[in-house]
Amino acid sequence: MAGVGACAWLPAWALKDDAKQPIFIEADDVEVRESDSTSVYVGNVQVDQGSMRLLADHVTVYHREDRQPRLIIALGSPAKYKQQLDDDQGEVKAFAKRMEYDADKDELTLIGDGLLIQGADRLAGERIVYDRAKAQFRAGGSGRVKITITPEQE
């Protein structure tokens, strides 16, 4: 796996207040399994929390005992994610066939045609892992990692 350092645009991430907001989920169908603390959403799934929006065909949420999400897996053609950045830096967008968010590690993983976009800057690869706690990316897998960094206009 190729390592990618935190380029100038990469460390900026989501609004800190978003994590404190309620989560709203809409889907065509839902199955909630209390026995294993899992909920499965199928068909035109939309997940909103503050400025964050996730759109996917299929989302599985693994809950903690306090009902908060521990792991979220989203599948789509592609799954789409967007969220406002801190300090009025615009928004970040992500696309992949599979997205996994591990709340315990505060890590977002894009798998299969992963693409992260912030303004004119882009990071593309088969597997992109963003460690939000360390503001650090790793990208690689099969194929090459492609990064486009656009200089600021004066």
N, C-alpha and C. Protein backbone atom coordinates (compact mmCIF):
# COMPACT_ATOMS: atom_id res chain seq x y z
N MET A 1 0.85 -1.18 0.00
CA MET A 1 0.00 0.00 0.00
C MET A 1 0.89 1.24 0.00
N ALA A 2 0.62 2.15 -0.87
CA ALA A 2 1.39 3.38 -0.95
C ALA A 2 0.96 4.32 0.16
N GLY A 3 1.91 5.01 0.76
CA GLY A 3 1.57 5.96 1.82
C GLY A 3 1.39 7.35 1.23
N VAL A 4 0.46 8.10 1.76
CA VAL A 4 0.23 9.46 1.30
C VAL A 4 0.29 10.36 2.52
N GLY A 5 1.20 11.32 2.51
CA GLY A 5 1.29 12.27 3.61
C GLY A 5 0.11 13.23 3.58
N ALA A 6 -0.05 13.98 4.63
CA ALA A 6 -1.15 14.93 4.69
C ALA A 6 -0.77 16.16 3.86
N CYS A 7 -1.25 16.22 2.65
CA CYS A 7 -1.01 17.36 1.78
C CYS A 7 -1.72 18.58 2.37
N ALA A 8 -1.45 19.73 1.84
CA ALA A 8 -1.97 20.97 2.41
C ALA A 8 -3.49 20.95 2.57
N TRP A 9 -4.19 20.34 1.68
CA TRP A 9 -5.66 20.37 1.73
C TRP A 9 -6.23 19.22 2.54
N LEU A 10 -5.48 18.19 2.80
CA LEU A 10 -6.04 16.98 3.37
C LEU A 10 -6.40 17.04 4.86
N PRO A 11 -5.64 17.71 5.74
CA PRO A 11 -5.98 17.64 7.15
C PRO A 11 -7.32 18.28 7.50
N ALA A 12 -7.77 19.26 6.75
CA ALA A 12 -9.06 19.89 7.05
C ALA A 12 -10.14 18.83 6.95
N TRP A 13 -11.02 18.80 7.92
CA TRP A 13 -12.08 17.80 7.86
C TRP A 13 -13.37 18.38 8.37
N ALA A 14 -14.26 17.56 8.72
CA ALA A 14 -15.64 17.92 8.98
C ALA A 14 -15.84 18.86 10.17
N LEU A 15 -16.98 19.51 10.15
CA LEU A 15 -17.36 20.36 11.27
C LEU A 15 -17.40 19.53 12.55
N LYS A 16 -16.73 20.01 13.58
CA LYS A 16 -16.68 19.27 14.85
C LYS A 16 -18.07 19.14 15.48
N ASP A 17 -18.93 20.13 15.27
CA ASP A 17 -20.27 20.10 15.87
C ASP A 17 -21.17 19.04 15.26
N ASP A 18 -20.86 18.56 14.05
CA ASP A 18 -21.71 17.56 13.40
C ASP A 18 -21.88 16.31 14.25
N ALA A 19 -20.82 15.87 14.92
CA ALA A 19 -20.87 14.64 15.72
C ALA A 19 -21.85 14.75 16.89
N LYS A 20 -22.18 15.98 17.29
CA LYS A 20 -23.10 16.19 18.41
C LYS A 20 -24.55 16.27 17.96
N GLN A 21 -24.78 16.27 16.65
CA GLN A 21 -26.12 16.41 16.10
C GLN A 21 -26.82 15.05 16.02
N PRO A 22 -28.17 15.04 16.02
CA PRO A 22 -28.88 13.77 15.85
C PRO A 22 -28.67 13.22 14.43
N ILE A 23 -28.81 11.92 14.30
CA ILE A 23 -28.69 11.25 13.01
C ILE A 23 -30.09 10.97 12.48
N PHE A 24 -30.36 11.36 11.23
CA PHE A 24 -31.64 11.10 10.57
C PHE A 24 -31.37 10.15 9.41
N ILE A 25 -32.17 9.08 9.32
CA ILE A 25 -31.99 8.09 8.25
C ILE A 25 -33.32 7.86 7.56
N GLU A 26 -33.28 7.88 6.22
CA GLU A 26 -34.45 7.55 5.40
C GLU A 26 -34.06 6.44 4.45
N ALA A 27 -35.00 5.53 4.17
CA ALA A 27 -34.75 4.44 3.22
C ALA A 27 -36.08 3.87 2.77
N ASP A 28 -36.03 3.09 1.70
CA ASP A 28 -37.25 2.42 1.23
C ASP A 28 -37.67 1.32 2.20
N ASP A 29 -36.69 0.60 2.77
CA ASP A 29 -36.96 -0.48 3.72
C ASP A 29 -35.94 -0.45 4.84
N VAL A 30 -36.35 -0.89 6.02
CA VAL A 30 -35.43 -1.00 7.16
C VAL A 30 -35.74 -2.28 7.93
N GLU A 31 -34.68 -2.89 8.42
CA GLU A 31 -34.80 -4.05 9.31
C GLU A 31 -33.95 -3.75 10.53
N VAL A 32 -34.57 -3.73 11.71
CA VAL A 32 -33.86 -3.49 12.96
C VAL A 32 -33.81 -4.80 13.72
N ARG A 33 -32.57 -5.23 14.04
CA ARG A 33 -32.40 -6.49 14.77
C ARG A 33 -31.84 -6.16 16.15
N GLU A 34 -32.72 -6.09 17.13
CA GLU A 34 -32.31 -5.79 18.52
C GLU A 34 -31.36 -6.85 19.05
N SER A 35 -31.53 -8.11 18.61
CA SER A 35 -30.73 -9.22 19.14
C SER A 35 -29.24 -9.04 18.90
N ASP A 36 -28.85 -8.45 17.77
CA ASP A 36 -27.42 -8.23 17.51
C ASP A 36 -27.09 -6.74 17.30
N SER A 37 -28.00 -5.86 17.76
CA SER A 37 -27.79 -4.41 17.71
C SER A 37 -27.39 -3.92 16.32
N THR A 38 -28.16 -4.37 15.32
CA THR A 38 -27.88 -4.04 13.93
C THR A 38 -29.13 -3.49 13.28
N SER A 39 -28.95 -2.49 12.40
CA SER A 39 -30.06 -2.04 11.57
C SER A 39 -29.58 -1.99 10.13
N VAL A 40 -30.45 -2.42 9.22
CA VAL A 40 -30.11 -2.51 7.80
C VAL A 40 -31.12 -1.66 7.03
N TYR A 41 -30.61 -0.74 6.22
CA TYR A 41 -31.43 0.17 5.43
C TYR A 41 -31.18 -0.13 3.96
N VAL A 42 -32.26 -0.29 3.19
CA VAL A 42 -32.12 -0.68 1.78
C VAL A 42 -32.96 0.25 0.90
N GLY A 43 -32.38 0.68 -0.20
CA GLY A 43 -33.11 1.45 -1.20
C GLY A 43 -33.11 2.94 -0.94
N ASN A 44 -32.42 3.70 -1.78
CA ASN A 44 -32.39 5.16 -1.68
C ASN A 44 -32.13 5.64 -0.26
N VAL A 45 -31.08 5.12 0.35
CA VAL A 45 -30.77 5.44 1.74
C VAL A 45 -30.14 6.83 1.81
N GLN A 46 -30.63 7.63 2.74
CA GLN A 46 -30.07 8.95 3.00
C GLN A 46 -29.82 9.07 4.49
N VAL A 47 -28.58 9.36 4.87
CA VAL A 47 -28.21 9.55 6.26
C VAL A 47 -27.73 10.99 6.42
N ASP A 48 -28.32 11.73 7.34
CA ASP A 48 -27.94 13.12 7.61
C ASP A 48 -27.56 13.27 9.07
N GLN A 49 -26.47 14.01 9.32
CA GLN A 49 -26.08 14.39 10.68
C GLN A 49 -25.38 15.73 10.57
N GLY A 50 -26.05 16.78 11.02
CA GLY A 50 -25.49 18.12 10.86
C GLY A 50 -25.31 18.41 9.39
N SER A 51 -24.09 18.81 8.99
CA SER A 51 -23.83 19.12 7.57
C SER A 51 -23.47 17.88 6.76
N MET A 52 -23.34 16.72 7.41
CA MET A 52 -22.96 15.49 6.72
C MET A 52 -24.17 14.84 6.06
N ARG A 53 -23.97 14.38 4.82
CA ARG A 53 -25.00 13.62 4.11
C ARG A 53 -24.33 12.43 3.43
N LEU A 54 -24.92 11.24 3.63
CA LEU A 54 -24.47 10.01 2.99
C LEU A 54 -25.63 9.47 2.18
N LEU A 55 -25.38 9.18 0.90
CA LEU A 55 -26.38 8.57 0.02
C LEU A 55 -25.85 7.22 -0.45
N ALA A 56 -26.68 6.18 -0.35
CA ALA A 56 -26.24 4.84 -0.72
C ALA A 56 -27.43 3.98 -1.08
N ASP A 57 -27.14 2.82 -1.67
CA ASP A 57 -28.18 1.84 -1.98
C ASP A 57 -28.50 0.97 -0.78
N HIS A 58 -27.48 0.74 0.07
CA HIS A 58 -27.61 -0.20 1.19
C HIS A 58 -26.70 0.27 2.32
N VAL A 59 -27.24 0.42 3.53
CA VAL A 59 -26.44 0.84 4.67
C VAL A 59 -26.73 -0.10 5.84
N THR A 60 -25.66 -0.61 6.45
CA THR A 60 -25.77 -1.42 7.66
C THR A 60 -25.11 -0.66 8.80
N VAL A 61 -25.84 -0.53 9.92
CA VAL A 61 -25.32 0.17 11.09
C VAL A 61 -25.23 -0.83 12.24
N TYR A 62 -24.02 -0.95 12.81
CA TYR A 62 -23.79 -1.78 13.98
C TYR A 62 -23.74 -0.83 15.18
N HIS A 63 -24.64 -1.04 16.14
CA HIS A 63 -24.82 -0.11 17.25
C HIS A 63 -24.10 -0.58 18.50
N ARG A 64 -23.73 0.41 19.33
CA ARG A 64 -23.24 0.12 20.68
C ARG A 64 -24.45 -0.08 21.58
N GLU A 65 -24.20 -0.41 22.84
CA GLU A 65 -25.30 -0.58 23.80
C GLU A 65 -26.10 0.70 24.00
N ASP A 66 -25.44 1.87 23.84
CA ASP A 66 -26.15 3.15 24.02
C ASP A 66 -26.86 3.59 22.74
N ARG A 67 -26.94 2.70 21.75
CA ARG A 67 -27.61 2.89 20.46
C ARG A 67 -26.84 3.79 19.50
N GLN A 68 -25.69 4.28 19.89
CA GLN A 68 -24.87 5.09 18.99
C GLN A 68 -24.17 4.17 17.99
N PRO A 69 -23.97 4.64 16.76
CA PRO A 69 -23.30 3.81 15.75
C PRO A 69 -21.85 3.51 16.14
N ARG A 70 -21.46 2.24 16.00
CA ARG A 70 -20.09 1.80 16.21
C ARG A 70 -19.39 1.64 14.87
N LEU A 71 -20.13 1.06 13.89
CA LEU A 71 -19.61 0.82 12.55
C LEU A 71 -20.75 1.04 11.56
N ILE A 72 -20.47 1.80 10.50
CA ILE A 72 -21.45 2.02 9.44
C ILE A 72 -20.82 1.56 8.13
N ILE A 73 -21.53 0.70 7.40
CA ILE A 73 -21.06 0.22 6.10
C ILE A 73 -22.09 0.64 5.06
N ALA A 74 -21.65 1.39 4.05
CA ALA A 74 -22.53 1.88 2.99
C ALA A 74 -22.07 1.31 1.66
N LEU A 75 -23.02 0.82 0.87
CA LEU A 75 -22.74 0.28 -0.46
C LEU A 75 -23.53 1.08 -1.48
N GLY A 76 -22.92 1.34 -2.63
CA GLY A 76 -23.62 2.08 -3.67
C GLY A 76 -22.90 2.00 -4.99
N SER A 77 -23.50 2.65 -5.97
CA SER A 77 -22.93 2.64 -7.32
C SER A 77 -22.70 4.05 -7.83
N PRO A 78 -21.94 4.88 -7.19
CA PRO A 78 -21.23 4.67 -5.92
C PRO A 78 -22.04 5.20 -4.73
N ALA A 79 -21.55 4.90 -3.52
CA ALA A 79 -22.05 5.58 -2.32
C ALA A 79 -21.45 6.98 -2.35
N LYS A 80 -22.19 7.97 -1.86
CA LYS A 80 -21.75 9.37 -1.92
C LYS A 80 -21.81 9.99 -0.53
N TYR A 81 -20.78 10.77 -0.22
CA TYR A 81 -20.65 11.39 1.10
C TYR A 81 -20.24 12.85 0.88
N LYS A 82 -20.83 13.75 1.67
CA LYS A 82 -20.37 15.13 1.65
C LYS A 82 -20.54 15.72 3.04
N GLN A 83 -19.65 16.66 3.37
CA GLN A 83 -19.71 17.29 4.68
C GLN A 83 -18.97 18.62 4.63
N GLN A 84 -19.51 19.60 5.36
CA GLN A 84 -18.86 20.90 5.47
C GLN A 84 -17.58 20.77 6.27
N LEU A 85 -16.59 21.56 5.92
CA LEU A 85 -15.31 21.57 6.64
C LEU A 85 -15.28 22.69 7.66
N ASP A 86 -14.41 22.52 8.65
CA ASP A 86 -14.20 23.57 9.64
C ASP A 86 -13.63 24.82 8.98
N ASP A 87 -13.76 25.94 9.65
CA ASP A 87 -13.13 27.20 9.26
C ASP A 87 -13.51 27.66 7.85
N ASP A 88 -14.75 27.47 7.44
CA ASP A 88 -15.24 27.94 6.14
C ASP A 88 -14.36 27.51 4.97
N GLN A 89 -13.88 26.27 5.00
CA GLN A 89 -13.02 25.75 3.93
C GLN A 89 -13.81 25.00 2.86
N GLY A 90 -15.12 25.22 2.81
CA GLY A 90 -15.94 24.55 1.81
C GLY A 90 -16.40 23.20 2.31
N GLU A 91 -16.50 22.24 1.37
CA GLU A 91 -16.94 20.91 1.77
C GLU A 91 -16.05 19.85 1.16
N VAL A 92 -16.07 18.68 1.79
CA VAL A 92 -15.36 17.53 1.28
C VAL A 92 -16.41 16.58 0.71
N LYS A 93 -16.09 15.94 -0.40
CA LYS A 93 -16.97 14.96 -1.02
C LYS A 93 -16.20 13.66 -1.18
N ALA A 94 -16.89 12.54 -1.02
CA ALA A 94 -16.26 11.24 -1.18
C ALA A 94 -17.21 10.33 -1.95
N PHE A 95 -16.60 9.47 -2.78
CA PHE A 95 -17.37 8.52 -3.58
C PHE A 95 -16.63 7.18 -3.54
N ALA A 96 -17.36 6.08 -3.42
CA ALA A 96 -16.76 4.75 -3.47
C ALA A 96 -17.88 3.72 -3.58
N LYS A 97 -17.53 2.53 -4.03
CA LYS A 97 -18.50 1.44 -4.07
C LYS A 97 -18.87 0.98 -2.66
N ARG A 98 -17.89 1.10 -1.74
CA ARG A 98 -18.11 0.71 -0.34
C ARG A 98 -17.44 1.74 0.56
N MET A 99 -18.16 2.21 1.56
CA MET A 99 -17.60 3.12 2.56
C MET A 99 -17.83 2.49 3.93
N GLU A 100 -16.79 2.55 4.76
CA GLU A 100 -16.90 2.03 6.12
C GLU A 100 -16.46 3.13 7.08
N TYR A 101 -17.29 3.43 8.07
CA TYR A 101 -16.91 4.39 9.10
C TYR A 101 -16.84 3.66 10.43
N ASP A 102 -15.66 3.62 11.01
CA ASP A 102 -15.42 3.00 12.31
C ASP A 102 -15.36 4.11 13.35
N ALA A 103 -16.42 4.24 14.15
CA ALA A 103 -16.51 5.33 15.13
C ALA A 103 -15.45 5.19 16.22
N ASP A 104 -15.11 3.95 16.61
CA ASP A 104 -14.11 3.75 17.66
C ASP A 104 -12.74 4.27 17.23
N LYS A 105 -12.39 4.06 15.96
CA LYS A 105 -11.10 4.52 15.44
C LYS A 105 -11.19 5.91 14.82
N ASP A 106 -12.42 6.42 14.64
CA ASP A 106 -12.68 7.68 13.93
C ASP A 106 -12.00 7.64 12.57
N GLU A 107 -12.33 6.57 11.81
CA GLU A 107 -11.66 6.29 10.55
C GLU A 107 -12.70 6.03 9.46
N LEU A 108 -12.53 6.69 8.31
CA LEU A 108 -13.39 6.48 7.16
C LEU A 108 -12.57 5.77 6.09
N THR A 109 -13.10 4.65 5.58
CA THR A 109 -12.40 3.88 4.55
C THR A 109 -13.26 3.83 3.30
N LEU A 110 -12.66 4.20 2.16
CA LEU A 110 -13.31 4.13 0.86
C LEU A 110 -12.72 2.93 0.12
N ILE A 111 -13.56 2.04 -0.38
CA ILE A 111 -13.10 0.82 -1.04
C ILE A 111 -13.77 0.71 -2.40
N GLY A 112 -12.99 0.53 -3.44
CA GLY A 112 -13.54 0.37 -4.79
C GLY A 112 -13.80 1.70 -5.45
N ASP A 113 -12.90 2.11 -6.33
CA ASP A 113 -13.03 3.38 -7.05
C ASP A 113 -13.22 4.56 -6.09
N GLY A 114 -12.40 4.61 -5.05
CA GLY A 114 -12.48 5.67 -4.06
C GLY A 114 -12.04 7.01 -4.64
N LEU A 115 -12.76 8.06 -4.29
CA LEU A 115 -12.43 9.41 -4.74
C LEU A 115 -12.79 10.39 -3.63
N LEU A 116 -11.82 11.21 -3.22
CA LEU A 116 -12.04 12.29 -2.27
C LEU A 116 -11.81 13.60 -2.99
N ILE A 117 -12.70 14.57 -2.79
CA ILE A 117 -12.59 15.86 -3.46
C ILE A 117 -12.76 16.96 -2.43
N GLN A 118 -11.84 17.93 -2.46
CA GLN A 118 -12.00 19.16 -1.70
C GLN A 118 -11.63 20.30 -2.62
N GLY A 119 -12.60 21.09 -3.03
CA GLY A 119 -12.36 22.16 -4.01
C GLY A 119 -11.87 21.53 -5.30
N ALA A 120 -10.73 22.00 -5.81
CA ALA A 120 -10.17 21.47 -7.05
C ALA A 120 -9.19 20.33 -6.78
N ASP A 121 -8.95 19.99 -5.50
CA ASP A 121 -8.00 18.93 -5.14
C ASP A 121 -8.71 17.58 -5.10
N ARG A 122 -7.98 16.54 -5.56
CA ARG A 122 -8.57 15.20 -5.64
C ARG A 122 -7.58 14.14 -5.20
N LEU A 123 -8.09 13.08 -4.58
CA LEU A 123 -7.32 11.90 -4.23
C LEU A 123 -8.14 10.70 -4.68
N ALA A 124 -7.57 9.88 -5.56
CA ALA A 124 -8.29 8.71 -6.09
C ALA A 124 -7.45 7.47 -5.89
N GLY A 125 -8.11 6.35 -5.53
CA GLY A 125 -7.44 5.08 -5.36
C GLY A 125 -8.44 3.99 -5.06
N GLU A 126 -8.00 2.75 -5.15
CA GLU A 126 -8.88 1.61 -4.88
C GLU A 126 -9.25 1.52 -3.40
N ARG A 127 -8.33 1.96 -2.53
CA ARG A 127 -8.59 1.93 -1.09
C ARG A 127 -7.99 3.19 -0.47
N ILE A 128 -8.82 3.98 0.17
CA ILE A 128 -8.37 5.20 0.83
C ILE A 128 -8.85 5.12 2.28
N VAL A 129 -7.92 5.29 3.22
CA VAL A 129 -8.26 5.26 4.64
C VAL A 129 -7.92 6.62 5.23
N TYR A 130 -8.90 7.27 5.81
CA TYR A 130 -8.66 8.56 6.46
C TYR A 130 -8.82 8.38 7.96
N ASP A 131 -7.75 8.58 8.69
CA ASP A 131 -7.74 8.54 10.14
C ASP A 131 -8.01 9.96 10.61
N ARG A 132 -9.26 10.23 11.01
CA ARG A 132 -9.65 11.58 11.39
C ARG A 132 -8.94 12.04 12.65
N ALA A 133 -8.67 11.13 13.58
CA ALA A 133 -8.02 11.51 14.84
C ALA A 133 -6.60 12.02 14.59
N LYS A 134 -5.89 11.43 13.64
CA LYS A 134 -4.52 11.83 13.33
C LYS A 134 -4.43 12.75 12.12
N ALA A 135 -5.58 13.05 11.47
CA ALA A 135 -5.61 13.86 10.25
C ALA A 135 -4.59 13.30 9.26
N GLN A 136 -4.73 12.00 8.96
CA GLN A 136 -3.74 11.31 8.14
C GLN A 136 -4.45 10.38 7.16
N PHE A 137 -3.95 10.33 5.93
CA PHE A 137 -4.48 9.45 4.90
C PHE A 137 -3.50 8.35 4.56
N ARG A 138 -4.04 7.21 4.16
CA ARG A 138 -3.28 6.16 3.50
C ARG A 138 -4.09 5.76 2.28
N ALA A 139 -3.43 5.55 1.16
CA ALA A 139 -4.14 5.16 -0.05
C ALA A 139 -3.30 4.15 -0.80
N GLY A 140 -3.97 3.22 -1.47
CA GLY A 140 -3.25 2.22 -2.26
C GLY A 140 -4.17 1.09 -2.65
N GLY A 141 -3.61 -0.11 -2.69
CA GLY A 141 -4.36 -1.26 -3.14
C GLY A 141 -3.96 -1.57 -4.56
N SER A 142 -4.85 -2.16 -5.33
CA SER A 142 -4.53 -2.44 -6.73
C SER A 142 -4.59 -1.14 -7.52
N GLY A 143 -3.75 -1.01 -8.52
CA GLY A 143 -3.73 0.22 -9.30
C GLY A 143 -2.92 1.29 -8.61
N ARG A 144 -2.86 2.44 -9.24
CA ARG A 144 -2.06 3.54 -8.72
C ARG A 144 -2.93 4.55 -7.99
N VAL A 145 -2.32 5.27 -7.07
CA VAL A 145 -2.99 6.36 -6.37
C VAL A 145 -2.75 7.62 -7.18
N LYS A 146 -3.79 8.42 -7.34
CA LYS A 146 -3.69 9.65 -8.12
C LYS A 146 -4.10 10.82 -7.25
N ILE A 147 -3.24 11.83 -7.20
CA ILE A 147 -3.50 13.02 -6.38
C ILE A 147 -3.37 14.25 -7.27
N THR A 148 -4.33 15.16 -7.17
CA THR A 148 -4.26 16.44 -7.85
C THR A 148 -4.35 17.52 -6.79
N ILE A 149 -3.32 18.36 -6.71
CA ILE A 149 -3.31 19.48 -5.75
C ILE A 149 -3.25 20.76 -6.58
N THR A 150 -4.27 21.59 -6.43
CA THR A 150 -4.36 22.82 -7.20
C THR A 150 -3.88 23.99 -6.36
N PRO A 151 -2.91 24.78 -6.86
CA PRO A 151 -2.43 25.92 -6.08
C PRO A 151 -3.54 26.95 -5.87
N GLU A 152 -3.44 27.66 -4.74
CA GLU A 152 -4.41 28.72 -4.46
C GLU A 152 -4.20 29.85 -5.44
N GLN A 153 -5.29 30.47 -5.86
CA GLN A 153 -5.23 31.61 -6.77
C GLN A 153 -4.94 32.87 -5.94
N GLU A 154 -4.11 33.75 -6.48
CA GLU A 154 -3.78 34.98 -5.75
C GLU A 154 -4.77 36.06 -6.06
